[in-house]
Amino acid sequence: MKVIIREASEITMDDLGQAGSSKRSTADKIIRLFQGKLDSLWEGINGLILVVKVPTGKTRLTIDQIKKLSKLNIRWMEQKKDTIAIGF
């Protein structure tokens, strides 16, 4: 018997509700903050994970971006060459 454990399931932005809902609003703000595009969105028992594809060379955060991120109640952030994953 093979057991598959899934910590999260991929969802769409529409699954977050209307544009004014708090989760949707947070996701939209994160995408705009990094001037990126949605790569993927995951929902699990610990919340949401948003993966944003960012323009090449956008690996450094400005103080303004850090201040805005601190207001969004995120749990963690992982930045790679061309993507940023944020848990909230």
PDB file of N, CA and C in Angstrom:
ATOM      1  N   MET A   1       0.842  -1.175   0.000  1.00  0.00           N
ATOM      2  CA  MET A   1       0.000   0.000   0.000  1.00  0.00           C
ATOM      3  C   MET A   1       0.890   1.242   0.000  1.00  0.00           C
ATOM      4  N   LYS A   2       0.678   2.093  -0.977  1.00  0.00           N
ATOM      5  CA  LYS A   2       1.450   3.330  -1.084  1.00  0.00           C
ATOM      6  C   LYS A   2       0.621   4.474  -0.512  1.00  0.00           C
ATOM      7  N   VAL A   3       1.204   5.203   0.432  1.00  0.00           N
ATOM      8  CA  VAL A   3       0.518   6.323   1.052  1.00  0.00           C
ATOM      9  C   VAL A   3       1.124   7.622   0.526  1.00  0.00           C
ATOM     10  N   ILE A   4       0.274   8.502   0.042  1.00  0.00           N
ATOM     11  CA  ILE A   4       0.727   9.799  -0.451  1.00  0.00           C
ATOM     12  C   ILE A   4       0.284  10.865   0.536  1.00  0.00           C
ATOM     13  N   ILE A   5       1.249  11.618   1.026  1.00  0.00           N
ATOM     14  CA  ILE A   5       0.945  12.701   1.955  1.00  0.00           C
ATOM     15  C   ILE A   5       1.085  14.017   1.196  1.00  0.00           C
ATOM     16  N   ARG A   6       0.042  14.772   1.185  1.00  0.00           N
ATOM     17  CA  ARG A   6       0.060  16.076   0.522  1.00  0.00           C
ATOM     18  C   ARG A   6      -0.103  17.150   1.580  1.00  0.00           C
ATOM     19  N   GLU A   7       0.904  17.987   1.677  1.00  0.00           N
ATOM     20  CA  GLU A   7       0.839  19.066   2.650  1.00  0.00           C
ATOM     21  C   GLU A   7       0.028  20.237   2.135  1.00  0.00           C
ATOM     22  N   ALA A   8      -0.076  20.371   0.818  1.00  0.00           N
ATOM     23  CA  ALA A   8      -0.813  21.479   0.231  1.00  0.00           C
ATOM     24  C   ALA A   8      -1.354  21.078  -1.134  1.00  0.00           C
ATOM     25  N   SER A   9      -2.407  21.774  -1.548  1.00  0.00           N
ATOM     26  CA  SER A   9      -3.011  21.551  -2.858  1.00  0.00           C
ATOM     27  C   SER A   9      -2.934  22.844  -3.653  1.00  0.00           C
ATOM     28  N   GLU A  10      -2.636  22.711  -4.942  1.00  0.00           N
ATOM     29  CA  GLU A  10      -2.565  23.898  -5.783  1.00  0.00           C
ATOM     30  C   GLU A  10      -3.974  24.430  -6.033  1.00  0.00           C
ATOM     31  N   ILE A  11      -4.119  25.755  -5.899  1.00  0.00           N
ATOM     32  CA  ILE A  11      -5.403  26.412  -6.117  1.00  0.00           C
ATOM     33  C   ILE A  11      -5.196  27.587  -7.084  1.00  0.00           C
ATOM     34  N   THR A  12      -6.279  28.238  -7.457  1.00  0.00           N
ATOM     35  CA  THR A  12      -6.211  29.416  -8.328  1.00  0.00           C
ATOM     36  C   THR A  12      -6.557  30.664  -7.518  1.00  0.00           C
ATOM     37  N   MET A  13      -6.283  31.827  -8.098  1.00  0.00           N
ATOM     38  CA  MET A  13      -6.646  33.081  -7.431  1.00  0.00           C
ATOM     39  C   MET A  13      -8.156  33.168  -7.242  1.00  0.00           C
ATOM     40  N   ASP A  14      -8.922  32.624  -8.162  1.00  0.00           N
ATOM     41  CA  ASP A  14     -10.377  32.645  -8.035  1.00  0.00           C
ATOM     42  C   ASP A  14     -10.842  31.866  -6.809  1.00  0.00           C
ATOM     43  N   ASP A  15     -10.077  30.853  -6.398  1.00  0.00           N
ATOM     44  CA  ASP A  15     -10.420  30.082  -5.209  1.00  0.00           C
ATOM     45  C   ASP A  15     -10.311  30.915  -3.932  1.00  0.00           C
ATOM     46  N   LEU A  16      -9.582  32.038  -4.006  1.00  0.00           N
ATOM     47  CA  LEU A  16      -9.433  32.900  -2.829  1.00  0.00           C
ATOM     48  C   LEU A  16     -10.625  33.824  -2.643  1.00  0.00           C
ATOM     49  N   GLY A  17     -11.513  33.867  -3.600  1.00  0.00           N
ATOM     50  CA  GLY A  17     -12.703  34.716  -3.487  1.00  0.00           C
ATOM     51  C   GLY A  17     -12.602  35.977  -4.310  1.00  0.00           C
ATOM     52  N   GLN A  18     -13.492  36.897  -4.010  1.00  0.00           N
ATOM     53  CA  GLN A  18     -13.565  38.169  -4.736  1.00  0.00           C
ATOM     54  C   GLN A  18     -12.302  38.993  -4.502  1.00  0.00           C
ATOM     55  N   ALA A  19     -12.095  39.978  -5.354  1.00  0.00           N
ATOM     56  CA  ALA A  19     -10.900  40.825  -5.283  1.00  0.00           C
ATOM     57  C   ALA A  19     -10.779  41.541  -3.941  1.00  0.00           C
ATOM     58  N   GLY A  20     -11.856  41.767  -3.229  1.00  0.00           N
ATOM     59  CA  GLY A  20     -11.800  42.480  -1.953  1.00  0.00           C
ATOM     60  C   GLY A  20     -11.556  41.599  -0.740  1.00  0.00           C
ATOM     61  N   SER A  21     -11.579  40.281  -0.905  1.00  0.00           N
ATOM     62  CA  SER A  21     -11.380  39.397   0.247  1.00  0.00           C
ATOM     63  C   SER A  21      -9.960  39.546   0.788  1.00  0.00           C
ATOM     64  N   SER A  22      -9.759  39.282   2.060  1.00  0.00           N
ATOM     65  CA  SER A  22      -8.462  39.560   2.687  1.00  0.00           C
ATOM     66  C   SER A  22      -7.331  38.694   2.126  1.00  0.00           C
ATOM     67  N   LYS A  23      -7.575  37.407   1.901  1.00  0.00           N
ATOM     68  CA  LYS A  23      -6.522  36.548   1.342  1.00  0.00           C
ATOM     69  C   LYS A  23      -6.188  36.956  -0.088  1.00  0.00           C
ATOM     70  N   ARG A  24      -7.211  37.240  -0.861  1.00  0.00           N
ATOM     71  CA  ARG A  24      -7.004  37.661  -2.252  1.00  0.00           C
ATOM     72  C   ARG A  24      -6.262  38.995  -2.287  1.00  0.00           C
ATOM     73  N   SER A  25      -6.641  39.896  -1.400  1.00  0.00           N
ATOM     74  CA  SER A  25      -6.014  41.212  -1.335  1.00  0.00           C
ATOM     75  C   SER A  25      -4.533  41.093  -0.978  1.00  0.00           C
ATOM     76  N   THR A  26      -4.219  40.230  -0.013  1.00  0.00           N
ATOM     77  CA  THR A  26      -2.821  40.023   0.382  1.00  0.00           C
ATOM     78  C   THR A  26      -2.023  39.459  -0.787  1.00  0.00           C
ATOM     79  N   ALA A  27      -2.569  38.469  -1.479  1.00  0.00           N
ATOM     80  CA  ALA A  27      -1.882  37.871  -2.626  1.00  0.00           C
ATOM     81  C   ALA A  27      -1.645  38.914  -3.722  1.00  0.00           C
ATOM     82  N   ASP A  28      -2.657  39.720  -4.004  1.00  0.00           N
ATOM     83  CA  ASP A  28      -2.521  40.766  -5.024  1.00  0.00           C
ATOM     84  C   ASP A  28      -1.444  41.783  -4.635  1.00  0.00           C
ATOM     85  N   LYS A  29      -1.415  42.172  -3.371  1.00  0.00           N
ATOM     86  CA  LYS A  29      -0.419  43.143  -2.896  1.00  0.00           C
ATOM     87  C   LYS A  29       0.998  42.589  -3.017  1.00  0.00           C
ATOM     88  N   ILE A  30       1.177  41.309  -2.693  1.00  0.00           N
ATOM     89  CA  ILE A  30       2.502  40.693  -2.796  1.00  0.00           C
ATOM     90  C   ILE A  30       2.965  40.665  -4.251  1.00  0.00           C
ATOM     91  N   ILE A  31       2.080  40.273  -5.146  1.00  0.00           N
ATOM     92  CA  ILE A  31       2.435  40.215  -6.574  1.00  0.00           C
ATOM     93  C   ILE A  31       2.825  41.600  -7.084  1.00  0.00           C
ATOM     94  N   ARG A  32       2.034  42.617  -6.733  1.00  0.00           N
ATOM     95  CA  ARG A  32       2.348  43.987  -7.167  1.00  0.00           C
ATOM     96  C   ARG A  32       3.643  44.494  -6.536  1.00  0.00           C
ATOM     97  N   LEU A  33       3.863  44.169  -5.268  1.00  0.00           N
ATOM     98  CA  LEU A  33       5.050  44.634  -4.550  1.00  0.00           C
ATOM     99  C   LEU A  33       6.334  44.199  -5.248  1.00  0.00           C
ATOM    100  N   PHE A  34       6.336  42.982  -5.783  1.00  0.00           N
ATOM    101  CA  PHE A  34       7.522  42.460  -6.450  1.00  0.00           C
ATOM    102  C   PHE A  34       7.476  42.637  -7.965  1.00  0.00           C
ATOM    103  N   GLN A  35       6.462  43.323  -8.474  1.00  0.00           N
ATOM    104  CA  GLN A  35       6.304  43.564  -9.902  1.00  0.00           C
ATOM    105  C   GLN A  35       6.414  42.248 -10.680  1.00  0.00           C
ATOM    106  N   GLY A  36       5.776  41.227 -10.110  1.00  0.00           N
ATOM    107  CA  GLY A  36       5.886  39.893 -10.690  1.00  0.00           C
ATOM    108  C   GLY A  36       4.584  39.377 -11.258  1.00  0.00           C
ATOM    109  N   LYS A  37       4.590  38.090 -11.535  1.00  0.00           N
ATOM    110  CA  LYS A  37       3.419  37.382 -12.047  1.00  0.00           C
ATOM    111  C   LYS A  37       3.222  36.125 -11.211  1.00  0.00           C
ATOM    112  N   LEU A  38       1.977  35.741 -11.046  1.00  0.00           N
ATOM    113  CA  LEU A  38       1.663  34.533 -10.293  1.00  0.00           C
ATOM    114  C   LEU A  38       2.283  33.327 -10.975  1.00  0.00           C
ATOM    115  N   ASP A  39       3.070  32.561 -10.226  1.00  0.00           N
ATOM    116  CA  ASP A  39       3.625  31.312 -10.733  1.00  0.00           C
ATOM    117  C   ASP A  39       2.746  30.164 -10.262  1.00  0.00           C
ATOM    118  N   SER A  40       2.472  30.117  -8.952  1.00  0.00           N
ATOM    119  CA  SER A  40       1.564  29.105  -8.405  1.00  0.00           C
ATOM    120  C   SER A  40       1.074  29.551  -7.033  1.00  0.00           C
ATOM    121  N   LEU A  41      -0.018  28.942  -6.606  1.00  0.00           N
ATOM    122  CA  LEU A  41      -0.648  29.261  -5.334  1.00  0.00           C
ATOM    123  C   LEU A  41      -1.074  27.948  -4.693  1.00  0.00           C
ATOM    124  N   TRP A  42      -0.712  27.776  -3.418  1.00  0.00           N
ATOM    125  CA  TRP A  42      -0.970  26.517  -2.719  1.00  0.00           C
ATOM    126  C   TRP A  42      -1.701  26.796  -1.418  1.00  0.00           C
ATOM    127  N   GLU A  43      -2.618  25.905  -1.068  1.00  0.00           N
ATOM    128  CA  GLU A  43      -3.336  26.012   0.199  1.00  0.00           C
ATOM    129  C   GLU A  43      -3.136  24.724   0.980  1.00  0.00           C
ATOM    130  N   GLY A  44      -2.750  24.877   2.240  1.00  0.00           N
ATOM    131  CA  GLY A  44      -2.531  23.719   3.093  1.00  0.00           C
ATOM    132  C   GLY A  44      -3.017  23.984   4.499  1.00  0.00           C
ATOM    133  N   ILE A  45      -2.716  23.083   5.398  1.00  0.00           N
ATOM    134  CA  ILE A  45      -3.221  23.231   6.760  1.00  0.00           C
ATOM    135  C   ILE A  45      -2.534  24.385   7.497  1.00  0.00           C
ATOM    136  N   ASN A  46      -1.374  24.807   7.020  1.00  0.00           N
ATOM    137  CA  ASN A  46      -0.665  25.914   7.662  1.00  0.00           C
ATOM    138  C   ASN A  46      -0.893  27.251   6.969  1.00  0.00           C
ATOM    139  N   GLY A  47      -1.808  27.316   6.019  1.00  0.00           N
ATOM    140  CA  GLY A  47      -2.098  28.568   5.340  1.00  0.00           C
ATOM    141  C   GLY A  47      -1.833  28.490   3.854  1.00  0.00           C
ATOM    142  N   LEU A  48      -1.470  29.618   3.278  1.00  0.00           N
ATOM    143  CA  LEU A  48      -1.261  29.727   1.840  1.00  0.00           C
ATOM    144  C   LEU A  48       0.208  29.925   1.512  1.00  0.00           C
ATOM    145  N   ILE A  49       0.594  29.441   0.345  1.00  0.00           N
ATOM    146  CA  ILE A  49       1.934  29.678  -0.187  1.00  0.00           C
ATOM    147  C   ILE A  49       1.752  30.271  -1.575  1.00  0.00           C
ATOM    148  N   LEU A  50       2.292  31.462  -1.752  1.00  0.00           N
ATOM    149  CA  LEU A  50       2.208  32.166  -3.019  1.00  0.00           C
ATOM    150  C   LEU A  50       3.599  32.177  -3.644  1.00  0.00           C
ATOM    151  N   VAL A  51       3.705  31.684  -4.879  1.00  0.00           N
ATOM    152  CA  VAL A  51       4.981  31.690  -5.599  1.00  0.00           C
ATOM    153  C   VAL A  51       4.848  32.708  -6.722  1.00  0.00           C
ATOM    154  N   VAL A  52       5.725  33.722  -6.688  1.00  0.00           N
ATOM    155  CA  VAL A  52       5.680  34.823  -7.646  1.00  0.00           C
ATOM    156  C   VAL A  52       6.922  34.768  -8.526  1.00  0.00           C
ATOM    157  N   LYS A  53       6.719  34.810  -9.826  1.00  0.00           N
ATOM    158  CA  LYS A  53       7.832  34.891 -10.777  1.00  0.00           C
ATOM    159  C   LYS A  53       8.188  36.363 -10.897  1.00  0.00           C
ATOM    160  N   VAL A  54       9.438  36.700 -10.582  1.00  0.00           N
ATOM    161  CA  VAL A  54       9.870  38.093 -10.583  1.00  0.00           C
ATOM    162  C   VAL A  54      10.777  38.372 -11.776  1.00  0.00           C
ATOM    163  N   PRO A  55      10.833  39.642 -12.196  1.00  0.00           N
ATOM    164  CA  PRO A  55      11.724  39.990 -13.304  1.00  0.00           C
ATOM    165  C   PRO A  55      13.180  39.648 -12.976  1.00  0.00           C
ATOM    166  N   THR A  56      13.936  39.273 -13.960  1.00  0.00           N
ATOM    167  CA  THR A  56      15.348  38.939 -13.768  1.00  0.00           C
ATOM    168  C   THR A  56      16.069  40.122 -13.141  1.00  0.00           C
ATOM    169  N   GLY A  57      16.889  39.835 -12.135  1.00  0.00           N
ATOM    170  CA  GLY A  57      17.663  40.881 -11.481  1.00  0.00           C
ATOM    171  C   GLY A  57      16.961  41.518 -10.297  1.00  0.00           C
ATOM    172  N   LYS A  58      15.737  41.110  -9.974  1.00  0.00           N
ATOM    173  CA  LYS A  58      14.994  41.681  -8.842  1.00  0.00           C
ATOM    174  C   LYS A  58      15.193  40.825  -7.596  1.00  0.00           C
ATOM    175  N   THR A  59      16.429  40.617  -7.190  1.00  0.00           N
ATOM    176  CA  THR A  59      16.688  39.761  -6.031  1.00  0.00           C
ATOM    177  C   THR A  59      16.960  40.546  -4.761  1.00  0.00           C
ATOM    178  N   ARG A  60      17.108  41.845  -4.866  1.00  0.00           N
ATOM    179  CA  ARG A  60      17.387  42.670  -3.685  1.00  0.00           C
ATOM    180  C   ARG A  60      16.110  43.385  -3.256  1.00  0.00           C
ATOM    181  N   LEU A  61      15.826  43.341  -1.953  1.00  0.00           N
ATOM    182  CA  LEU A  61      14.656  44.028  -1.414  1.00  0.00           C
ATOM    183  C   LEU A  61      15.042  45.425  -0.961  1.00  0.00           C
ATOM    184  N   THR A  62      14.178  46.387  -1.238  1.00  0.00           N
ATOM    185  CA  THR A  62      14.392  47.750  -0.761  1.00  0.00           C
ATOM    186  C   THR A  62      13.768  47.893   0.630  1.00  0.00           C
ATOM    187  N   ILE A  63      14.124  48.944   1.336  1.00  0.00           N
ATOM    188  CA  ILE A  63      13.548  49.182   2.656  1.00  0.00           C
ATOM    189  C   ILE A  63      12.039  49.382   2.541  1.00  0.00           C
ATOM    190  N   ASP A  64      11.584  50.004   1.458  1.00  0.00           N
ATOM    191  CA  ASP A  64      10.155  50.204   1.232  1.00  0.00           C
ATOM    192  C   ASP A  64       9.436  48.860   1.096  1.00  0.00           C
ATOM    193  N   GLN A  65      10.020  47.924   0.339  1.00  0.00           N
ATOM    194  CA  GLN A  65       9.418  46.593   0.197  1.00  0.00           C
ATOM    195  C   GLN A  65       9.378  45.857   1.532  1.00  0.00           C
ATOM    196  N   ILE A  66      10.438  45.976   2.306  1.00  0.00           N
ATOM    197  CA  ILE A  66      10.481  45.307   3.613  1.00  0.00           C
ATOM    198  C   ILE A  66       9.394  45.859   4.532  1.00  0.00           C
ATOM    199  N   LYS A  67       9.221  47.176   4.544  1.00  0.00           N
ATOM    200  CA  LYS A  67       8.181  47.791   5.376  1.00  0.00           C
ATOM    201  C   LYS A  67       6.795  47.315   4.953  1.00  0.00           C
ATOM    202  N   LYS A  68       6.551  47.272   3.648  1.00  0.00           N
ATOM    203  CA  LYS A  68       5.243  46.827   3.158  1.00  0.00           C
ATOM    204  C   LYS A  68       5.002  45.357   3.466  1.00  0.00           C
ATOM    205  N   LEU A  69       6.035  44.533   3.340  1.00  0.00           N
ATOM    206  CA  LEU A  69       5.893  43.110   3.666  1.00  0.00           C
ATOM    207  C   LEU A  69       5.555  42.910   5.137  1.00  0.00           C
ATOM    208  N   SER A  70       6.161  43.721   6.000  1.00  0.00           N
ATOM    209  CA  SER A  70       5.934  43.561   7.442  1.00  0.00           C
ATOM    210  C   SER A  70       4.482  43.857   7.817  1.00  0.00           C
ATOM    211  N   LYS A  71       3.782  44.629   7.004  1.00  0.00           N
ATOM    212  CA  LYS A  71       2.381  44.956   7.274  1.00  0.00           C
ATOM    213  C   LYS A  71       1.419  43.886   6.755  1.00  0.00           C
ATOM    214  N   LEU A  72       1.919  42.950   5.962  1.00  0.00           N
ATOM    215  CA  LEU A  72       1.053  41.953   5.324  1.00  0.00           C
ATOM    216  C   LEU A  72       0.879  40.669   6.130  1.00  0.00           C
ATOM    217  N   ASN A  73       1.483  40.588   7.289  1.00  0.00           N
ATOM    218  CA  ASN A  73       1.322  39.429   8.167  1.00  0.00           C
ATOM    219  C   ASN A  73       1.741  38.123   7.485  1.00  0.00           C
ATOM    220  N   ILE A  74       2.915  38.152   6.847  1.00  0.00           N
ATOM    221  CA  ILE A  74       3.430  36.934   6.231  1.00  0.00           C
ATOM    222  C   ILE A  74       4.137  36.096   7.292  1.00  0.00           C
ATOM    223  N   ARG A  75       4.245  34.795   7.051  1.00  0.00           N
ATOM    224  CA  ARG A  75       4.912  33.906   7.998  1.00  0.00           C
ATOM    225  C   ARG A  75       6.361  33.656   7.628  1.00  0.00           C
ATOM    226  N   TRP A  76       6.649  33.559   6.322  1.00  0.00           N
ATOM    227  CA  TRP A  76       8.012  33.307   5.870  1.00  0.00           C
ATOM    228  C   TRP A  76       8.146  33.696   4.403  1.00  0.00           C
ATOM    229  N   MET A  77       9.403  33.806   3.971  1.00  0.00           N
ATOM    230  CA  MET A  77       9.672  34.143   2.582  1.00  0.00           C
ATOM    231  C   MET A  77      10.940  33.430   2.145  1.00  0.00           C
ATOM    232  N   GLU A  78      10.930  32.896   0.937  1.00  0.00           N
ATOM    233  CA  GLU A  78      12.099  32.248   0.352  1.00  0.00           C
ATOM    234  C   GLU A  78      12.305  32.820  -1.041  1.00  0.00           C
ATOM    235  N   GLN A  79      13.491  33.357  -1.291  1.00  0.00           N
ATOM    236  CA  GLN A  79      13.767  33.986  -2.574  1.00  0.00           C
ATOM    237  C   GLN A  79      14.828  33.192  -3.317  1.00  0.00           C
ATOM    238  N   LYS A  80      14.537  32.895  -4.573  1.00  0.00           N
ATOM    239  CA  LYS A  80      15.489  32.233  -5.450  1.00  0.00           C
ATOM    240  C   LYS A  80      15.766  33.155  -6.627  1.00  0.00           C
ATOM    241  N   LYS A  81      16.460  32.666  -7.609  1.00  0.00           N
ATOM    242  CA  LYS A  81      16.893  33.501  -8.730  1.00  0.00           C
ATOM    243  C   LYS A  81      15.749  34.284  -9.373  1.00  0.00           C
ATOM    244  N   ASP A  82      14.676  33.594  -9.753  1.00  0.00           N
ATOM    245  CA  ASP A  82      13.601  34.295 -10.446  1.00  0.00           C
ATOM    246  C   ASP A  82      12.227  34.073  -9.837  1.00  0.00           C
ATOM    247  N   THR A  83      12.176  33.527  -8.609  1.00  0.00           N
ATOM    248  CA  THR A  83      10.896  33.347  -7.910  1.00  0.00           C
ATOM    249  C   THR A  83      11.041  33.726  -6.444  1.00  0.00           C
ATOM    250  N   ILE A  84       9.912  34.127  -5.880  1.00  0.00           N
ATOM    251  CA  ILE A  84       9.818  34.394  -4.454  1.00  0.00           C
ATOM    252  C   ILE A  84       8.609  33.613  -3.963  1.00  0.00           C
ATOM    253  N   ALA A  85       8.806  32.794  -2.945  1.00  0.00           N
ATOM    254  CA  ALA A  85       7.706  32.056  -2.333  1.00  0.00           C
ATOM    255  C   ALA A  85       7.436  32.680  -0.965  1.00  0.00           C
ATOM    256  N   ILE A  86       6.163  32.932  -0.675  1.00  0.00           N
ATOM    257  CA  ILE A  86       5.797  33.570   0.589  1.00  0.00           C
ATOM    258  C   ILE A  86       4.654  32.783   1.212  1.00  0.00           C
ATOM    259  N   GLY A  87       4.823  32.470   2.476  1.00  0.00           N
ATOM    260  CA  GLY A  87       3.770  31.799   3.241  1.00  0.00           C
ATOM    261  C   GLY A  87       3.014  32.820   4.060  1.00  0.00           C
ATOM    262  N   PHE A  88       1.686  32.766   3.976  1.00  0.00           N
ATOM    263  CA  PHE A  88       0.864  33.678   4.782  1.00  0.00           C
ATOM    264  C   PHE A  88      -0.449  33.022   5.153  1.00  0.00           C
TER     265      PHE A  88
END
